[in-house]
Amino acid sequence: MINQIAIVILNWNGRAFLEQYLPILIDRTPLHLATIYVIDNDSSDDSVPFLREHFGQISLIQNSKNFGFAEGYNRGLKSIEEPILCLLNSDIEVTENWLEPILNHFDSNPNVAAIQPKILDLKDKLKFEYAGGSGGFYDHFGYAVCRGRYFDHIEPDLGQYDDTRDIFWASGCCIFVRNTVFREVGQFDGDYFAHQEEIDLCWRINNYGYQVQVLPKSKVYHLGGGSLPYGSYFKSYLNFRNSLFNLFKNLRKRHLIFILPIRLGLDGIAGIHSVVQTKKILTIKSILHAHFSFYKSIPDLISKRIKIKHKGYPKTTIKKYILLDYYIFKCRLFSELDKK
């Protein structure tokens, strides 16, 4: 018998996270509703023997190599048939009754294809967490912001974002998505490797006419920085490159012609600002690396564009320029941005 939800953890050398957070997940998950899977991305630590010895009730799927977040999930999910997928980072601590509100919301809202819970910081449980907060949004130039996290400014959780609402993107560290829709829109783009692949996925979900929502009745805590530490060169490179991928693939042509050159210029300004303010030469090197990688990928990106419905930005986009609001108008709260 197939359960209603598949909770799927992608693991790469994360034995310590599995040991710490998997028992909590098992204890707080009704196993008559959900099956727990671990997809192992060819770990070189003892993750696999550890799982086999201590967690025989977990379904283990092994990839032949480290395919990264995006393609690692794509390959591992091929054999999973549950109607709802929960893609969960290994460094997530779930709370009591975290699943039931999600499942009930899917049942009563058939057009909702993806849901994110409220994501708080495991290191400071009174604050939102960088990777998702209470739902993600985008501006015209492809800069991401969350309810509760505006660039590097993290807000305390005071209940100010506890409403259920449509969002642009749901965080990849804990995203629930209908299995049929995940396949319909083309799964993750494996070329992203990691970072912003969930934004690309949610953009396509929106463009296919489905809704992406945040449901703060469900709450989880995220440690963050487990696989790629915050501020690392490779993480910076992936974020800049994949953001350009998102724009090139998903924008209407008339928007792309206007937006892409400006975004490329803004990346250059960001690199110069980083060097002047923080003396971080590696940031500008990561941006240059990202841009050249993007140019090299344009033939493949054109092929991908052809397969995507291009409706421009969904209605859940922030219709403002959040870079300008942050640096010029000194906005630090999503609530300030949301009112503009």
Protein backbone atom coordinates (compact mmCIF):
# COMPACT_ATOMS: atom_id res chain seq x y z
CA MET A 1 0.00 0.00 0.00
CA ILE A 2 1.35 3.42 -1.00
CA ASN A 3 1.19 6.13 1.64
CA GLN A 4 0.04 9.67 0.89
CA ILE A 5 3.41 11.36 1.40
CA ALA A 6 6.99 10.40 0.57
CA ILE A 7 9.47 12.24 2.79
CA VAL A 8 12.69 12.20 0.80
CA ILE A 9 16.09 13.22 2.19
CA LEU A 10 19.00 13.65 -0.19
CA ASN A 11 22.21 12.76 1.61
CA TRP A 12 25.85 13.31 0.77
CA ASN A 13 28.36 12.63 3.55
CA GLY A 14 25.76 13.66 6.09
CA ARG A 15 25.95 10.81 8.56
CA ALA A 16 26.12 13.25 11.52
CA PHE A 17 22.92 15.00 10.40
CA LEU A 18 21.14 11.69 9.85
CA GLU A 19 22.15 10.50 13.30
CA GLN A 20 20.90 13.70 14.94
CA TYR A 21 17.71 14.55 13.05
CA LEU A 22 16.40 11.29 11.58
CA PRO A 23 15.21 9.91 14.96
CA ILE A 24 13.26 13.15 15.54
CA LEU A 25 11.72 12.89 12.08
CA ILE A 26 10.66 9.29 12.68
CA ASP A 27 9.24 10.12 16.11
CA ARG A 28 7.19 13.08 14.85
CA THR A 29 5.96 11.60 11.58
CA PRO A 30 2.81 9.44 11.41
CA LEU A 31 4.15 6.44 9.51
CA HIS A 32 0.63 5.48 8.37
CA LEU A 33 0.66 8.71 6.34
CA ALA A 34 4.26 8.92 5.16
CA THR A 35 7.11 6.75 3.95
CA ILE A 36 10.63 8.02 4.66
CA TYR A 37 13.28 7.65 1.97
CA VAL A 38 16.95 8.56 1.92
CA ILE A 39 18.60 9.08 -1.46
CA ASP A 40 22.35 8.73 -1.00
CA ASN A 41 24.47 10.68 -3.50
CA ASP A 42 27.42 8.24 -3.38
CA SER A 43 28.65 9.33 0.06
CA SER A 44 32.27 8.63 0.92
CA ASP A 45 31.55 8.57 4.66
CA ASP A 46 29.73 5.71 6.44
CA SER A 47 26.21 7.07 5.82
CA VAL A 48 24.99 3.97 3.98
CA PRO A 49 26.21 1.30 6.46
CA PHE A 50 24.99 3.52 9.30
CA LEU A 51 21.49 3.70 7.81
CA ARG A 52 21.39 -0.04 7.15
CA GLU A 53 22.48 -0.85 10.70
CA HIS A 54 20.34 1.63 12.64
CA PHE A 55 17.41 2.59 10.39
CA GLY A 56 16.19 -0.53 8.67
CA GLN A 57 12.70 0.99 8.41
CA ILE A 58 13.99 3.70 6.08
CA SER A 59 13.85 3.05 2.33
CA LEU A 60 17.36 3.61 0.95
CA ILE A 61 18.01 4.63 -2.66
CA GLN A 62 21.63 4.82 -3.84
CA ASN A 63 22.86 7.02 -6.68
CA SER A 64 25.98 5.95 -8.56
CA LYS A 65 27.77 9.27 -7.95
CA ASN A 66 27.25 12.72 -6.44
CA PHE A 67 24.84 14.30 -8.92
CA GLY A 68 24.25 17.38 -6.77
CA PHE A 69 20.92 18.45 -5.28
CA ALA A 70 18.92 18.83 -8.48
CA GLU A 71 19.88 15.76 -10.50
CA GLY A 72 20.40 13.70 -7.34
CA TYR A 73 16.73 14.18 -6.51
CA ASN A 74 15.62 13.65 -10.12
CA ARG A 75 17.28 10.26 -10.29
CA GLY A 76 16.25 9.11 -6.84
CA LEU A 77 12.61 10.17 -7.23
CA LYS A 78 12.03 8.14 -10.40
CA SER A 79 10.88 5.09 -8.45
CA ILE A 80 8.84 6.94 -5.79
CA GLU A 81 5.09 6.82 -6.39
CA GLU A 82 3.48 8.57 -3.41
CA PRO A 83 1.14 11.39 -4.51
CA ILE A 84 2.89 14.05 -2.39
CA LEU A 85 6.66 14.49 -2.24
CA CYS A 86 8.32 16.19 0.72
CA LEU A 87 11.90 17.06 -0.21
CA LEU A 88 13.61 17.56 3.13
CA ASN A 89 17.18 18.57 3.96
CA SER A 90 19.04 16.27 6.32
CA ASP A 91 19.69 19.20 8.71
CA ILE A 92 16.00 19.89 9.40
CA GLU A 93 14.38 19.37 12.79
CA VAL A 94 10.66 18.84 12.34
CA THR A 95 8.05 19.72 14.97
CA GLU A 96 5.05 17.90 16.38
CA ASN A 97 2.09 17.70 13.98
CA TRP A 98 4.07 19.21 11.12
CA LEU A 99 2.58 16.96 8.42
CA GLU A 100 -1.18 17.03 9.06
CA PRO A 101 -1.79 20.72 8.15
CA ILE A 102 0.11 20.24 4.88
CA LEU A 103 -1.82 17.14 3.90
CA ASN A 104 -5.18 18.70 4.82
CA HIS A 105 -4.35 21.81 2.77
CA PHE A 106 -3.48 19.74 -0.30
CA ASP A 107 -6.74 17.79 0.08
CA SER A 108 -8.90 20.93 0.24
CA ASN A 109 -7.00 22.96 -2.41
CA PRO A 110 -6.56 20.90 -5.58
CA ASN A 111 -4.88 23.71 -7.52
CA VAL A 112 -2.11 24.11 -4.93
CA ALA A 113 0.85 22.17 -6.32
CA ALA A 114 3.63 23.08 -3.85
CA ILE A 115 3.69 24.11 -0.19
CA GLN A 116 6.41 25.36 2.13
CA PRO A 117 6.12 25.34 5.94
CA LYS A 118 7.42 28.19 8.06
CA ILE A 119 11.19 27.72 8.34
CA LEU A 120 12.93 28.97 11.48
CA ASP A 121 16.58 28.99 12.49
CA LEU A 122 17.63 25.93 14.46
CA LYS A 123 20.44 27.94 16.08
CA ASP A 124 18.02 30.67 17.19
CA LYS A 125 14.47 29.36 17.17
CA LEU A 126 12.95 32.80 17.63
CA LYS A 127 14.22 33.93 14.21
CA PHE A 128 13.43 33.06 10.63
CA GLU A 129 15.98 31.03 8.72
CA TYR A 130 17.83 32.38 5.69
CA ALA A 131 16.88 29.62 3.26
CA GLY A 132 13.12 30.10 3.26
CA GLY A 133 11.58 32.15 6.06
CA SER A 134 7.82 32.20 5.55
CA GLY A 135 7.79 31.99 1.78
CA GLY A 136 9.93 33.23 -1.10
CA PHE A 137 9.46 36.03 -3.64
CA TYR A 138 11.37 37.42 -6.65
CA ASP A 139 11.77 40.86 -8.14
CA HIS A 140 12.05 41.83 -11.82
CA PHE A 141 15.81 41.31 -11.94
CA GLY A 142 15.87 37.88 -10.33
CA TYR A 143 16.78 38.80 -6.74
CA ALA A 144 15.21 36.57 -4.13
CA VAL A 145 13.70 37.65 -0.83
CA CYS A 146 11.72 35.83 1.87
CA ARG A 147 9.08 36.88 4.34
CA GLY A 148 11.36 37.22 7.34
CA ARG A 149 14.65 37.49 5.42
CA TYR A 150 15.61 40.48 3.28
CA PHE A 151 19.05 39.75 1.84
CA ASP A 152 21.22 39.24 4.96
CA HIS A 153 18.80 40.89 7.39
CA ILE A 154 16.94 38.21 9.39
CA GLU A 155 13.76 39.11 11.28
CA PRO A 156 12.53 37.62 14.56
CA ASP A 157 9.37 35.55 14.25
CA LEU A 158 6.66 37.61 15.95
CA GLY A 159 3.79 35.97 14.11
CA GLN A 160 3.84 38.75 11.50
CA TYR A 161 3.95 36.25 8.60
CA ASP A 162 1.61 33.55 9.90
CA ASP A 163 -0.97 33.89 7.12
CA THR A 164 -1.32 31.30 4.39
CA ARG A 165 -0.74 32.91 0.99
CA ASP A 166 0.53 32.45 -2.53
CA ILE A 167 4.29 32.80 -2.91
CA PHE A 168 6.68 32.82 -5.86
CA TRP A 169 8.96 30.04 -4.64
CA ALA A 170 9.11 27.49 -1.85
CA SER A 171 12.41 26.66 -0.17
CA GLY A 172 14.21 23.56 -1.38
CA CYS A 173 15.22 22.70 2.18
CA CYS A 174 11.60 21.69 2.86
CA ILE A 175 9.21 21.73 -0.08
CA PHE A 176 6.07 19.65 -0.54
CA VAL A 177 5.05 19.14 -4.16
CA ARG A 178 2.49 16.99 -5.94
CA ASN A 179 4.33 14.14 -7.65
CA THR A 180 2.29 14.45 -10.85
CA VAL A 181 3.00 18.19 -11.15
CA PHE A 182 6.70 17.70 -10.39
CA ARG A 183 6.88 15.39 -13.39
CA GLU A 184 4.54 17.46 -15.56
CA VAL A 185 6.67 20.62 -15.37
CA GLY A 186 9.92 18.73 -15.99
CA GLN A 187 11.35 18.06 -12.52
CA PHE A 188 14.46 19.94 -11.40
CA ASP A 189 16.96 21.16 -13.97
CA GLY A 190 19.93 18.89 -13.29
CA ASP A 191 22.40 21.40 -14.75
CA TYR A 192 21.89 23.68 -11.73
CA PHE A 193 23.69 21.16 -9.47
CA ALA A 194 22.49 23.07 -6.37
CA HIS A 195 20.93 26.43 -5.42
CA GLN A 196 17.97 28.19 -7.02
CA GLU A 197 16.74 25.01 -8.71
CA GLU A 198 13.64 25.25 -6.50
CA ILE A 199 13.00 28.80 -7.78
CA ASP A 200 13.21 27.55 -11.35
CA LEU A 201 10.85 24.66 -10.50
CA CYS A 202 8.33 26.93 -8.77
CA TRP A 203 8.44 29.44 -11.63
CA ARG A 204 7.44 26.65 -14.00
CA ILE A 205 4.74 25.47 -11.58
CA ASN A 206 3.32 29.01 -11.53
CA ASN A 207 3.49 29.26 -15.30
CA TYR A 208 1.55 26.03 -15.68
CA GLY A 209 -1.31 27.66 -13.77
CA TYR A 210 -0.81 26.02 -10.37
CA GLN A 211 -0.32 27.74 -7.02
CA VAL A 212 2.70 27.69 -4.72
CA GLN A 213 1.85 28.56 -1.12
CA VAL A 214 3.32 28.91 2.35
CA LEU A 215 1.47 27.27 5.23
CA PRO A 216 2.90 28.59 8.53
CA LYS A 217 0.68 26.25 10.58
CA SER A 218 3.40 23.75 9.78
CA LYS A 219 6.81 24.67 11.20
CA VAL A 220 10.34 23.26 10.92
CA TYR A 221 13.81 24.35 12.08
CA HIS A 222 16.75 24.45 9.67
CA LEU A 223 20.44 24.39 10.61
CA GLY A 224 21.69 25.56 7.20
CA GLY A 225 25.07 25.52 5.46
CA GLY A 226 25.41 21.76 5.75
CA SER A 227 26.66 20.81 2.28
CA LEU A 228 27.95 24.18 1.05
CA PRO A 229 28.82 26.67 3.81
CA TYR A 230 27.35 30.16 3.55
CA GLY A 231 29.82 32.51 1.89
CA SER A 232 31.77 29.80 0.05
CA TYR A 233 33.13 30.48 -3.43
CA PHE A 234 31.21 27.61 -5.03
CA LYS A 235 27.92 28.62 -3.36
CA SER A 236 28.37 32.21 -4.58
CA TYR A 237 29.18 31.01 -8.09
CA LEU A 238 26.12 28.75 -8.23
CA ASN A 239 23.78 31.45 -6.95
CA PHE A 240 24.89 34.03 -9.53
CA ARG A 241 24.97 31.55 -12.41
CA ASN A 242 21.69 29.84 -11.60
CA SER A 243 19.89 33.14 -11.15
CA LEU A 244 20.87 34.00 -14.73
CA PHE A 245 19.67 30.56 -15.81
CA ASN A 246 16.29 31.29 -14.20
CA LEU A 247 15.85 34.57 -16.06
CA PHE A 248 16.99 33.24 -19.42
CA LYS A 249 14.79 30.16 -19.31
CA ASN A 250 11.60 31.55 -17.84
CA LEU A 251 11.15 35.16 -18.94
CA ARG A 252 9.15 36.16 -21.99
CA LYS A 253 11.44 37.32 -24.79
CA ARG A 254 10.37 40.96 -24.55
CA HIS A 255 11.15 40.97 -20.81
CA LEU A 256 14.40 39.08 -21.23
CA ILE A 257 15.86 41.54 -23.74
CA PHE A 258 15.36 44.39 -21.26
CA ILE A 259 16.10 42.65 -17.96
CA LEU A 260 19.10 40.43 -18.70
CA PRO A 261 21.64 43.17 -19.65
CA ILE A 262 20.68 45.19 -16.57
CA ARG A 263 21.04 42.14 -14.32
CA LEU A 264 24.49 41.40 -15.77
CA GLY A 265 25.50 44.98 -15.00
CA LEU A 266 24.11 44.79 -11.48
CA ASP A 267 26.17 41.66 -10.87
CA GLY A 268 29.26 43.63 -11.84
CA ILE A 269 28.34 46.40 -9.42
CA ALA A 270 27.80 43.79 -6.69
CA GLY A 271 31.29 42.41 -7.31
CA ILE A 272 32.91 45.86 -7.13
CA HIS A 273 30.93 46.68 -3.98
CA SER A 274 32.12 43.46 -2.36
CA VAL A 275 35.75 44.25 -3.12
CA VAL A 276 35.49 47.84 -1.87
CA GLN A 277 33.47 47.08 1.27
CA THR A 278 34.77 43.68 2.35
CA LYS A 279 37.99 43.19 0.35
CA LYS A 280 36.59 39.84 -0.86
CA ILE A 281 38.29 39.34 -4.22
CA LEU A 282 36.78 35.85 -4.46
CA THR A 283 33.28 37.30 -4.81
CA ILE A 284 34.08 39.11 -8.03
CA LYS A 285 35.93 36.04 -9.28
CA SER A 286 32.86 33.90 -8.58
CA ILE A 287 30.68 36.40 -10.50
CA LEU A 288 33.00 36.37 -13.51
CA HIS A 289 33.09 32.58 -13.38
CA ALA A 290 29.27 32.51 -13.21
CA HIS A 291 28.89 34.87 -16.18
CA PHE A 292 31.27 32.95 -18.44
CA SER A 293 29.58 29.69 -17.48
CA PHE A 294 26.21 31.28 -18.32
CA TYR A 295 27.41 32.45 -21.76
CA LYS A 296 28.75 28.97 -22.48
CA SER A 297 25.39 27.46 -21.51
CA ILE A 298 23.23 29.68 -23.74
CA PRO A 299 22.76 27.08 -26.55
CA ASP A 300 21.42 24.56 -24.00
CA LEU A 301 19.30 27.24 -22.32
CA ILE A 302 17.69 28.12 -25.66
CA SER A 303 16.66 24.48 -26.07
CA LYS A 304 15.15 24.51 -22.59
CA ARG A 305 13.27 27.76 -23.23
CA ILE A 306 11.43 26.16 -26.12
CA LYS A 307 9.87 23.57 -23.80
CA ILE A 308 8.64 26.05 -21.15
CA LYS A 309 5.42 28.05 -21.08
CA HIS A 310 6.52 31.67 -20.89
CA LYS A 311 4.00 33.84 -19.15
CA GLY A 312 6.51 36.27 -17.68
CA TYR A 313 6.43 36.82 -13.95
CA PRO A 314 3.55 35.22 -12.01
CA LYS A 315 1.40 37.54 -9.91
CA THR A 316 3.34 36.55 -6.79
CA THR A 317 6.43 38.45 -7.96
CA ILE A 318 7.42 41.53 -5.99
CA LYS A 319 6.77 44.32 -8.51
CA LYS A 320 9.59 46.41 -7.08
CA TYR A 321 13.35 46.46 -7.31
CA ILE A 322 14.44 45.03 -3.99
CA LEU A 323 18.11 45.86 -4.54
CA LEU A 324 17.21 49.56 -4.80
CA ASP A 325 14.85 49.38 -1.82
CA TYR A 326 17.51 47.70 0.33
CA TYR A 327 20.53 49.87 -0.47
CA ILE A 328 18.93 53.23 -1.28
CA PHE A 329 15.70 53.32 0.73
CA LYS A 330 17.13 51.17 3.56
CA CYS A 331 14.22 48.70 3.67
CA ARG A 332 15.06 45.84 6.00
CA LEU A 333 11.67 44.18 6.55
CA PHE A 334 9.63 42.22 4.06
CA SER A 335 6.53 43.94 5.44
CA GLU A 336 7.95 47.29 4.27
CA LEU A 337 8.58 45.91 0.80
CA ASP A 338 5.18 44.24 0.62
CA LYS A 339 3.39 47.56 1.22
CA LYS A 340 5.17 49.43 -1.57
